[in-house]
Amino acid sequence: VVHLHNSDLKQVNILYPKLEEQQKIGSFFKQLDKTIALHQRKLDLLKEQKKGYLQKMFPKNCEKVPELRFAGFADDWEERKLSDLFIKGGSGGTPKSTNKAFYDGDIPFLGISDITKSNGFINNTEKHISSDGLNSSAAWIVSKGAISLAMYASVGKLAILNIDAATSQAFYNMIFDDYDLRDLVYQRLNKANELSEWNKLISTGTQSNLNADKVKNFQMYLPKNHDEIKLISTFFKQIDNTIALHQRKLDLLKEQKKGFLQKMFV
């Protein structure tokens, strides 16, 4: 276990300015920390609000209408199987990691770490594979706009691909021809992730995971009217855009603080 002793810390020499400059530097960073904390609270509040809307704007178990609804719609929602909603779906594959030539290409290759740190959209990936790597495995090019859902490790975590990418077998990928429907399904699957709905379907073994059949057979209630589908999708897209904006501001503030720490201390 890596650790420090008091005696080690006592030997550290620190350069510091006179009291007046100390106070100004301290006040500067205190104000910066307050700003960062304020943006973090705003971001957390937005995420909680979205979570609340997900629960109220989709029907609860055994119910056919949501608690909160746009005016002008009164029909019951209909139960649909996930596999009936997309035009193409499938898991991916992984080229042999021992063959370095398979990983020196320019084809983005989605991994669990990419989707774990994403904010719902994949713009790039840590790894890239070659055409030979793609052809040597069950991987395939999943087109931009598809939903990728993690079946291993971060089970239920999902994102929309903003790039064409191949994925490992840890993902189930879904391509839609109707983006309004895709966006609504994406939010419904977000709800499933938030409320741990996948837990009852998880297979236990060396690690918790789903399989493709369980994903394809997932049942959900959706509106019959496409206008209602579009309204709900647009509503959540606006929330997601606001969350993304606040996340970018927060990330920028943290980077600025990091820069100031490097430049304002010897």
C-alpha atoms as a PDB file:
ATOM      1  CA  VAL A   1       0.000   0.000   0.000  1.00  0.00           C
ATOM      2  CA  VAL A   2       1.406   3.361  -1.036  1.00  0.00           C
ATOM      3  CA  HIS A   3       1.382   5.820   1.853  1.00  0.00           C
ATOM      4  CA  LEU A   4       3.114   8.808   3.435  1.00  0.00           C
ATOM      5  CA  HIS A   5       4.425   9.223   6.971  1.00  0.00           C
ATOM      6  CA  ASN A   6       4.205  12.421   8.998  1.00  0.00           C
ATOM      7  CA  SER A   7       7.972  12.506   9.007  1.00  0.00           C
ATOM      8  CA  ASP A   8       7.984  12.538   5.195  1.00  0.00           C
ATOM      9  CA  LEU A   9       5.634  15.518   5.048  1.00  0.00           C
ATOM     10  CA  LYS A  10       7.684  17.443   7.590  1.00  0.00           C
ATOM     11  CA  GLN A  11      10.675  17.306   5.252  1.00  0.00           C
ATOM     12  CA  VAL A  12       8.850  18.925   2.318  1.00  0.00           C
ATOM     13  CA  ASN A  13      10.053  22.468   1.603  1.00  0.00           C
ATOM     14  CA  ILE A  14       7.429  24.874   0.311  1.00  0.00           C
ATOM     15  CA  LEU A  15       8.043  28.324  -1.136  1.00  0.00           C
ATOM     16  CA  TYR A  16       5.370  30.849  -0.241  1.00  0.00           C
ATOM     17  CA  PRO A  17       4.947  34.639  -0.572  1.00  0.00           C
ATOM     18  CA  LYS A  18       4.457  37.363   2.024  1.00  0.00           C
ATOM     19  CA  LEU A  19       1.179  37.518   3.940  1.00  0.00           C
ATOM     20  CA  GLU A  20      -0.531  40.104   1.715  1.00  0.00           C
ATOM     21  CA  GLU A  21       0.113  38.062  -1.443  1.00  0.00           C
ATOM     22  CA  GLN A  22      -0.912  34.862   0.362  1.00  0.00           C
ATOM     23  CA  GLN A  23      -4.274  36.418   1.177  1.00  0.00           C
ATOM     24  CA  LYS A  24      -4.867  37.550  -2.411  1.00  0.00           C
ATOM     25  CA  ILE A  25      -3.965  34.158  -3.864  1.00  0.00           C
ATOM     26  CA  GLY A  26      -6.087  32.391  -1.239  1.00  0.00           C
ATOM     27  CA  SER A  27      -9.102  34.632  -1.989  1.00  0.00           C
ATOM     28  CA  PHE A  28      -8.669  34.105  -5.725  1.00  0.00           C
ATOM     29  CA  PHE A  29      -8.765  30.295  -5.442  1.00  0.00           C
ATOM     30  CA  LYS A  30     -11.557  30.412  -2.860  1.00  0.00           C
ATOM     31  CA  GLN A  31     -13.721  32.352  -5.318  1.00  0.00           C
ATOM     32  CA  LEU A  32     -12.789  29.944  -8.120  1.00  0.00           C
ATOM     33  CA  ASP A  33     -13.716  26.947  -5.950  1.00  0.00           C
ATOM     34  CA  LYS A  34     -17.079  28.553  -5.124  1.00  0.00           C
ATOM     35  CA  THR A  35     -17.783  29.035  -8.836  1.00  0.00           C
ATOM     36  CA  ILE A  36     -16.863  25.417  -9.558  1.00  0.00           C
ATOM     37  CA  ALA A  37     -19.091  24.217  -6.687  1.00  0.00           C
ATOM     38  CA  LEU A  38     -21.982  26.350  -7.978  1.00  0.00           C
ATOM     39  CA  HIS A  39     -21.738  24.872 -11.469  1.00  0.00           C
ATOM     40  CA  GLN A  40     -21.475  21.373  -9.985  1.00  0.00           C
ATOM     41  CA  ARG A  41     -24.682  21.922  -7.983  1.00  0.00           C
ATOM     42  CA  LYS A  42     -26.475  23.207 -11.089  1.00  0.00           C
ATOM     43  CA  LEU A  43     -25.320  20.171 -13.055  1.00  0.00           C
ATOM     44  CA  ASP A  44     -26.374  17.751 -10.307  1.00  0.00           C
ATOM     45  CA  LEU A  45     -29.778  19.459 -10.060  1.00  0.00           C
ATOM     46  CA  LEU A  46     -30.338  19.173 -13.822  1.00  0.00           C
ATOM     47  CA  LYS A  47     -29.475  15.474 -13.739  1.00  0.00           C
ATOM     48  CA  GLU A  48     -31.892  14.919 -10.855  1.00  0.00           C
ATOM     49  CA  GLN A  49     -34.614  16.826 -12.705  1.00  0.00           C
ATOM     50  CA  LYS A  50     -34.098  14.685 -15.785  1.00  0.00           C
ATOM     51  CA  LYS A  51     -34.275  11.540 -13.651  1.00  0.00           C
ATOM     52  CA  GLY A  52     -37.592  12.758 -12.257  1.00  0.00           C
ATOM     53  CA  TYR A  53     -38.982  13.483 -15.720  1.00  0.00           C
ATOM     54  CA  LEU A  54     -37.911  10.020 -16.931  1.00  0.00           C
ATOM     55  CA  GLN A  55     -39.986   8.469 -14.173  1.00  0.00           C
ATOM     56  CA  LYS A  56     -43.026  10.688 -14.740  1.00  0.00           C
ATOM     57  CA  MET A  57     -43.083  10.878 -18.551  1.00  0.00           C
ATOM     58  CA  PHE A  58     -42.912   7.118 -19.130  1.00  0.00           C
ATOM     59  CA  PRO A  59     -45.552   4.717 -17.740  1.00  0.00           C
ATOM     60  CA  LYS A  60     -44.760   2.940 -14.502  1.00  0.00           C
ATOM     61  CA  ASN A  61     -44.928  -0.841 -14.230  1.00  0.00           C
ATOM     62  CA  CYS A  62     -48.318  -2.296 -15.231  1.00  0.00           C
ATOM     63  CA  GLU A  63     -49.552   1.115 -16.415  1.00  0.00           C
ATOM     64  CA  LYS A  64     -50.297   2.200 -19.992  1.00  0.00           C
ATOM     65  CA  VAL A  65     -50.093   5.990 -19.618  1.00  0.00           C
ATOM     66  CA  PRO A  66     -47.487   8.225 -17.980  1.00  0.00           C
ATOM     67  CA  GLU A  67     -48.116  10.444 -14.976  1.00  0.00           C
ATOM     68  CA  LEU A  68     -47.007  13.577 -16.835  1.00  0.00           C
ATOM     69  CA  ARG A  69     -48.089  14.154 -20.427  1.00  0.00           C
ATOM     70  CA  PHE A  70     -48.238  16.844 -23.110  1.00  0.00           C
ATOM     71  CA  ALA A  71     -51.662  18.406 -23.690  1.00  0.00           C
ATOM     72  CA  GLY A  72     -53.770  16.967 -26.481  1.00  0.00           C
ATOM     73  CA  PHE A  73     -52.856  13.311 -26.024  1.00  0.00           C
ATOM     74  CA  ALA A  74     -55.031  10.827 -24.165  1.00  0.00           C
ATOM     75  CA  ASP A  75     -54.651   7.429 -25.888  1.00  0.00           C
ATOM     76  CA  ASP A  76     -53.094   4.482 -24.094  1.00  0.00           C
ATOM     77  CA  TRP A  77     -49.505   3.734 -24.996  1.00  0.00           C
ATOM     78  CA  GLU A  78     -48.744   0.378 -26.622  1.00  0.00           C
ATOM     79  CA  GLU A  79     -46.316  -2.283 -25.459  1.00  0.00           C
ATOM     80  CA  ARG A  80     -43.475  -2.861 -27.908  1.00  0.00           C
ATOM     81  CA  LYS A  81     -40.530  -5.239 -28.027  1.00  0.00           C
ATOM     82  CA  LEU A  82     -37.196  -3.498 -28.518  1.00  0.00           C
ATOM     83  CA  SER A  83     -36.253  -5.657 -31.513  1.00  0.00           C
ATOM     84  CA  ASP A  84     -39.363  -4.440 -33.374  1.00  0.00           C
ATOM     85  CA  LEU A  85     -38.227  -0.821 -33.166  1.00  0.00           C
ATOM     86  CA  PHE A  86     -34.841  -0.791 -34.926  1.00  0.00           C
ATOM     87  CA  ILE A  87     -33.975  -1.858 -38.474  1.00  0.00           C
ATOM     88  CA  LYS A  88     -30.664  -3.550 -37.671  1.00  0.00           C
ATOM     89  CA  GLY A  89     -29.092  -4.781 -34.456  1.00  0.00           C
ATOM     90  CA  GLY A  90     -26.278  -6.942 -33.227  1.00  0.00           C
ATOM     91  CA  SER A  91     -23.339  -7.227 -30.875  1.00  0.00           C
ATOM     92  CA  GLY A  92     -19.756  -6.679 -31.970  1.00  0.00           C
ATOM     93  CA  GLY A  93     -16.494  -8.588 -31.785  1.00  0.00           C
ATOM     94  CA  THR A  94     -12.886  -8.158 -30.718  1.00  0.00           C
ATOM     95  CA  PRO A  95      -9.783  -8.743 -32.861  1.00  0.00           C
ATOM     96  CA  LYS A  96      -6.989 -10.688 -31.149  1.00  0.00           C
ATOM     97  CA  SER A  97      -5.152  -8.322 -28.837  1.00  0.00           C
ATOM     98  CA  THR A  98      -1.870 -10.186 -29.433  1.00  0.00           C
ATOM     99  CA  ASN A  99      -1.811  -9.061 -33.059  1.00  0.00           C
ATOM    100  CA  LYS A 100      -0.599  -5.447 -32.969  1.00  0.00           C
ATOM    101  CA  ALA A 101      -1.368  -4.992 -36.654  1.00  0.00           C
ATOM    102  CA  PHE A 102      -5.067  -5.301 -35.843  1.00  0.00           C
ATOM    103  CA  TYR A 103      -4.857  -2.190 -33.655  1.00  0.00           C
ATOM    104  CA  ASP A 104      -2.876   0.201 -35.851  1.00  0.00           C
ATOM    105  CA  GLY A 105      -5.743   1.294 -38.102  1.00  0.00           C
ATOM    106  CA  ASP A 106      -8.118   4.249 -38.176  1.00  0.00           C
ATOM    107  CA  ILE A 107     -11.448   2.512 -37.476  1.00  0.00           C
ATOM    108  CA  PRO A 108     -12.816   3.727 -34.107  1.00  0.00           C
ATOM    109  CA  PHE A 109     -13.289   0.759 -31.751  1.00  0.00           C
ATOM    110  CA  LEU A 110     -15.761   1.300 -28.906  1.00  0.00           C
ATOM    111  CA  GLY A 111     -14.814  -0.126 -25.529  1.00  0.00           C
ATOM    112  CA  ILE A 112     -16.435  -0.113 -22.084  1.00  0.00           C
ATOM    113  CA  SER A 113     -14.180   2.714 -20.883  1.00  0.00           C
ATOM    114  CA  ASP A 114     -15.413   4.929 -23.741  1.00  0.00           C
ATOM    115  CA  ILE A 115     -19.067   4.541 -22.876  1.00  0.00           C
ATOM    116  CA  THR A 116     -18.470   4.781 -19.125  1.00  0.00           C
ATOM    117  CA  LYS A 117     -16.944   8.256 -19.386  1.00  0.00           C
ATOM    118  CA  SER A 118     -19.270   9.485 -22.127  1.00  0.00           C
ATOM    119  CA  ASN A 119     -22.130  11.890 -21.499  1.00  0.00           C
ATOM    120  CA  GLY A 120     -24.453   9.955 -23.752  1.00  0.00           C
ATOM    121  CA  PHE A 121     -22.634  10.578 -27.036  1.00  0.00           C
ATOM    122  CA  ILE A 122     -19.550   8.951 -28.538  1.00  0.00           C
ATOM    123  CA  ASN A 123     -17.369  11.381 -30.506  1.00  0.00           C
ATOM    124  CA  ASN A 124     -14.114   9.394 -30.356  1.00  0.00           C
ATOM    125  CA  THR A 125     -12.670   6.186 -28.926  1.00  0.00           C
ATOM    126  CA  GLU A 126      -9.466   5.250 -27.119  1.00  0.00           C
ATOM    127  CA  LYS A 127      -8.683   2.365 -29.475  1.00  0.00           C
ATOM    128  CA  HIS A 128      -8.710   2.027 -33.250  1.00  0.00           C
ATOM    129  CA  ILE A 129      -8.512  -1.109 -35.350  1.00  0.00           C
ATOM    130  CA  SER A 130      -7.430  -1.878 -38.893  1.00  0.00           C
ATOM    131  CA  SER A 131      -9.493  -3.359 -41.711  1.00  0.00           C
ATOM    132  CA  ASP A 132      -7.671  -6.665 -41.160  1.00  0.00           C
ATOM    133  CA  GLY A 133      -8.619  -6.548 -37.499  1.00  0.00           C
ATOM    134  CA  LEU A 134     -12.232  -5.849 -38.395  1.00  0.00           C
ATOM    135  CA  ASN A 135     -12.369  -8.726 -40.886  1.00  0.00           C
ATOM    136  CA  SER A 136     -10.686 -11.143 -38.493  1.00  0.00           C
ATOM    137  CA  SER A 137     -13.430 -10.825 -35.886  1.00  0.00           C
ATOM    138  CA  ALA A 138     -17.209 -10.538 -35.510  1.00  0.00           C
ATOM    139  CA  ALA A 139     -16.873  -6.752 -35.349  1.00  0.00           C
ATOM    140  CA  TRP A 140     -18.743  -4.669 -37.923  1.00  0.00           C
ATOM    141  CA  ILE A 141     -19.057  -0.982 -38.749  1.00  0.00           C
ATOM    142  CA  VAL A 142     -21.973   0.421 -36.771  1.00  0.00           C
ATOM    143  CA  SER A 143     -23.212   3.542 -38.509  1.00  0.00           C
ATOM    144  CA  LYS A 144     -23.314   7.004 -36.977  1.00  0.00           C
ATOM    145  CA  GLY A 145     -26.591   7.625 -35.146  1.00  0.00           C
ATOM    146  CA  ALA A 146     -26.917   4.123 -33.693  1.00  0.00           C
ATOM    147  CA  ILE A 147     -27.470   3.351 -30.014  1.00  0.00           C
ATOM    148  CA  SER A 148     -24.830   1.191 -28.326  1.00  0.00           C
ATOM    149  CA  LEU A 149     -25.812  -0.463 -25.047  1.00  0.00           C
ATOM    150  CA  ALA A 150     -23.300  -2.122 -22.717  1.00  0.00           C
ATOM    151  CA  MET A 151     -24.086  -5.752 -21.909  1.00  0.00           C
ATOM    152  CA  TYR A 152     -20.955  -6.420 -19.804  1.00  0.00           C
ATOM    153  CA  ALA A 153     -19.282  -4.513 -16.961  1.00  0.00           C
ATOM    154  CA  SER A 154     -21.225  -1.205 -17.050  1.00  0.00           C
ATOM    155  CA  VAL A 155     -24.467  -3.062 -17.789  1.00  0.00           C
ATOM    156  CA  GLY A 156     -27.218  -0.802 -19.122  1.00  0.00           C
ATOM    157  CA  LYS A 157     -24.970   2.173 -19.832  1.00  0.00           C
ATOM    158  CA  LEU A 158     -25.701   3.492 -23.313  1.00  0.00           C
ATOM    159  CA  ALA A 159     -24.749   6.177 -25.789  1.00  0.00           C
ATOM    160  CA  ILE A 160     -25.530   7.408 -29.278  1.00  0.00           C
ATOM    161  CA  LEU A 161     -22.680   7.114 -31.774  1.00  0.00           C
ATOM    162  CA  ASN A 162     -21.730  10.422 -33.362  1.00  0.00           C
ATOM    163  CA  ILE A 163     -19.229   8.539 -35.535  1.00  0.00           C
ATOM    164  CA  ASP A 164     -19.117   5.318 -37.524  1.00  0.00           C
ATOM    165  CA  ALA A 165     -17.474   2.777 -35.220  1.00  0.00           C
ATOM    166  CA  ALA A 166     -16.874  -0.900 -34.589  1.00  0.00           C
ATOM    167  CA  THR A 167     -17.600  -2.273 -31.128  1.00  0.00           C
ATOM    168  CA  SER A 168     -16.575  -5.188 -28.981  1.00  0.00           C
ATOM    169  CA  GLN A 169     -18.989  -7.995 -28.134  1.00  0.00           C
ATOM    170  CA  ALA A 170     -19.678  -6.158 -24.868  1.00  0.00           C
ATOM    171  CA  PHE A 171     -22.225  -3.999 -26.725  1.00  0.00           C
ATOM    172  CA  TYR A 172     -25.554  -4.462 -28.422  1.00  0.00           C
ATOM    173  CA  ASN A 173     -25.892  -1.949 -31.264  1.00  0.00           C
ATOM    174  CA  MET A 174     -29.180  -0.690 -32.692  1.00  0.00           C
ATOM    175  CA  ILE A 175     -29.674   1.238 -35.946  1.00  0.00           C
ATOM    176  CA  PHE A 176     -32.917   3.201 -36.461  1.00  0.00           C
ATOM    177  CA  ASP A 177     -34.462   4.771 -39.543  1.00  0.00           C
ATOM    178  CA  ASP A 178     -36.586   7.160 -37.438  1.00  0.00           C
ATOM    179  CA  TYR A 179     -34.490   9.457 -35.239  1.00  0.00           C
ATOM    180  CA  ASP A 180     -37.492  10.678 -33.232  1.00  0.00           C
ATOM    181  CA  LEU A 181     -38.238   7.078 -32.306  1.00  0.00           C
ATOM    182  CA  ARG A 182     -34.547   6.429 -31.662  1.00  0.00           C
ATOM    183  CA  ASP A 183     -34.331   9.376 -29.287  1.00  0.00           C
ATOM    184  CA  LEU A 184     -37.407   8.207 -27.378  1.00  0.00           C
ATOM    185  CA  VAL A 185     -36.071   4.647 -27.115  1.00  0.00           C
ATOM    186  CA  TYR A 186     -32.735   6.074 -25.957  1.00  0.00           C
ATOM    187  CA  GLN A 187     -34.467   7.952 -23.129  1.00  0.00           C
ATOM    188  CA  ARG A 188     -36.561   4.913 -22.198  1.00  0.00           C
ATOM    189  CA  LEU A 189     -33.397   2.807 -21.990  1.00  0.00           C
ATOM    190  CA  ASN A 190     -31.840   5.572 -19.888  1.00  0.00           C
ATOM    191  CA  LYS A 191     -34.730   5.138 -17.502  1.00  0.00           C
ATOM    192  CA  ALA A 192     -34.099   1.388 -17.425  1.00  0.00           C
ATOM    193  CA  ASN A 193     -30.482   2.099 -16.539  1.00  0.00           C
ATOM    194  CA  GLU A 194     -31.342   4.696 -13.871  1.00  0.00           C
ATOM    195  CA  LEU A 195     -33.887   2.403 -12.191  1.00  0.00           C
ATOM    196  CA  SER A 196     -31.747  -0.760 -12.530  1.00  0.00           C
ATOM    197  CA  GLU A 197     -34.421  -2.504 -14.605  1.00  0.00           C
ATOM    198  CA  TRP A 198     -31.755  -4.700 -16.203  1.00  0.00           C
ATOM    199  CA  ASN A 199     -30.862  -6.323 -12.874  1.00  0.00           C
ATOM    200  CA  LYS A 200     -33.621  -8.917 -13.101  1.00  0.00           C
ATOM    201  CA  LEU A 201     -32.355  -9.955 -16.555  1.00  0.00           C
ATOM    202  CA  ILE A 202     -28.653 -10.144 -15.711  1.00  0.00           C
ATOM    203  CA  SER A 203     -26.928 -13.523 -15.948  1.00  0.00           C
ATOM    204  CA  THR A 204     -24.556 -14.168 -13.070  1.00  0.00           C
ATOM    205  CA  GLY A 205     -21.177 -15.760 -13.564  1.00  0.00           C
ATOM    206  CA  THR A 206     -17.645 -14.466 -13.357  1.00  0.00           C
ATOM    207  CA  GLN A 207     -19.186 -11.065 -14.042  1.00  0.00           C
ATOM    208  CA  SER A 208     -22.715  -9.685 -14.353  1.00  0.00           C
ATOM    209  CA  ASN A 209     -23.846  -9.402 -17.956  1.00  0.00           C
ATOM    210  CA  LEU A 210     -26.744  -9.376 -20.369  1.00  0.00           C
ATOM    211  CA  ASN A 211     -27.033 -11.224 -23.659  1.00  0.00           C
ATOM    212  CA  ALA A 212     -28.372 -10.121 -27.026  1.00  0.00           C
ATOM    213  CA  ASP A 213     -31.656 -12.022 -26.725  1.00  0.00           C
ATOM    214  CA  LYS A 214     -32.517 -10.354 -23.418  1.00  0.00           C
ATOM    215  CA  VAL A 215     -31.847  -6.937 -24.911  1.00  0.00           C
ATOM    216  CA  LYS A 216     -33.897  -7.643 -28.045  1.00  0.00           C
ATOM    217  CA  ASN A 217     -36.825  -8.959 -25.991  1.00  0.00           C
ATOM    218  CA  PHE A 218     -36.923  -5.991 -23.605  1.00  0.00           C
ATOM    219  CA  GLN A 219     -40.502  -4.682 -23.447  1.00  0.00           C
ATOM    220  CA  MET A 220     -41.507  -1.039 -23.162  1.00  0.00           C
ATOM    221  CA  TYR A 221     -44.598   1.121 -23.565  1.00  0.00           C
ATOM    222  CA  LEU A 222     -44.428   3.823 -26.246  1.00  0.00           C
ATOM    223  CA  PRO A 223     -46.964   6.329 -27.656  1.00  0.00           C
ATOM    224  CA  LYS A 224     -48.952   5.309 -30.720  1.00  0.00           C
ATOM    225  CA  ASN A 225     -48.978   8.878 -32.035  1.00  0.00           C
ATOM    226  CA  HIS A 226     -45.728   9.962 -33.731  1.00  0.00           C
ATOM    227  CA  ASP A 227     -46.378  13.603 -32.803  1.00  0.00           C
ATOM    228  CA  GLU A 228     -46.255  12.634 -29.128  1.00  0.00           C
ATOM    229  CA  ILE A 229     -43.082  10.645 -29.737  1.00  0.00           C
ATOM    230  CA  LYS A 230     -41.462  13.712 -31.310  1.00  0.00           C
ATOM    231  CA  LEU A 231     -42.559  16.075 -28.522  1.00  0.00           C
ATOM    232  CA  ILE A 232     -41.150  13.851 -25.789  1.00  0.00           C
ATOM    233  CA  SER A 233     -37.927  13.225 -27.717  1.00  0.00           C
ATOM    234  CA  THR A 234     -37.410  16.953 -28.316  1.00  0.00           C
ATOM    235  CA  PHE A 235     -38.118  17.761 -24.668  1.00  0.00           C
ATOM    236  CA  PHE A 236     -35.448  15.365 -23.412  1.00  0.00           C
ATOM    237  CA  LYS A 237     -32.999  16.417 -26.121  1.00  0.00           C
ATOM    238  CA  GLN A 238     -33.233  20.001 -24.839  1.00  0.00           C
ATOM    239  CA  ILE A 239     -32.542  18.800 -21.296  1.00  0.00           C
ATOM    240  CA  ASP A 240     -29.564  16.769 -22.505  1.00  0.00           C
ATOM    241  CA  ASN A 241     -28.190  19.778 -24.402  1.00  0.00           C
ATOM    242  CA  THR A 242     -28.469  21.917 -21.269  1.00  0.00           C
ATOM    243  CA  ILE A 243     -26.741  19.242 -19.183  1.00  0.00           C
ATOM    244  CA  ALA A 244     -23.961  18.971 -21.775  1.00  0.00           C
ATOM    245  CA  LEU A 245     -23.514  22.764 -21.765  1.00  0.00           C
ATOM    246  CA  HIS A 246     -23.150  22.870 -17.972  1.00  0.00           C
ATOM    247  CA  GLN A 247     -20.775  19.902 -18.081  1.00  0.00           C
ATOM    248  CA  ARG A 248     -18.551  21.710 -20.590  1.00  0.00           C
ATOM    249  CA  LYS A 249     -18.540  24.859 -18.426  1.00  0.00           C
ATOM    250  CA  LEU A 250     -17.625  22.808 -15.363  1.00  0.00           C
ATOM    251  CA  ASP A 251     -14.850  20.958 -17.192  1.00  0.00           C
ATOM    252  CA  LEU A 252     -13.473  24.279 -18.478  1.00  0.00           C
ATOM    253  CA  LEU A 253     -13.446  25.790 -14.983  1.00  0.00           C
ATOM    254  CA  LYS A 254     -11.598  22.776 -13.610  1.00  0.00           C
ATOM    255  CA  GLU A 255      -9.032  23.012 -16.394  1.00  0.00           C
ATOM    256  CA  GLN A 256      -8.620  26.731 -15.720  1.00  0.00           C
ATOM    257  CA  LYS A 257      -8.016  26.068 -12.035  1.00  0.00           C
ATOM    258  CA  LYS A 258      -5.452  23.420 -12.912  1.00  0.00           C
ATOM    259  CA  GLY A 259      -3.664  25.939 -15.135  1.00  0.00           C
ATOM    260  CA  PHE A 260      -3.702  28.616 -12.437  1.00  0.00           C
ATOM    261  CA  LEU A 261      -2.322  26.155  -9.869  1.00  0.00           C
ATOM    262  CA  GLN A 262       0.607  25.434 -12.163  1.00  0.00           C
ATOM    263  CA  LYS A 263       1.311  29.090 -12.934  1.00  0.00           C
ATOM    264  CA  MET A 264       0.650  30.735  -9.551  1.00  0.00           C
ATOM    265  CA  PHE A 265       2.856  28.464  -7.454  1.00  0.00           C
ATOM    266  CA  VAL A 266       6.609  28.040  -7.713  1.00  0.00           C
END
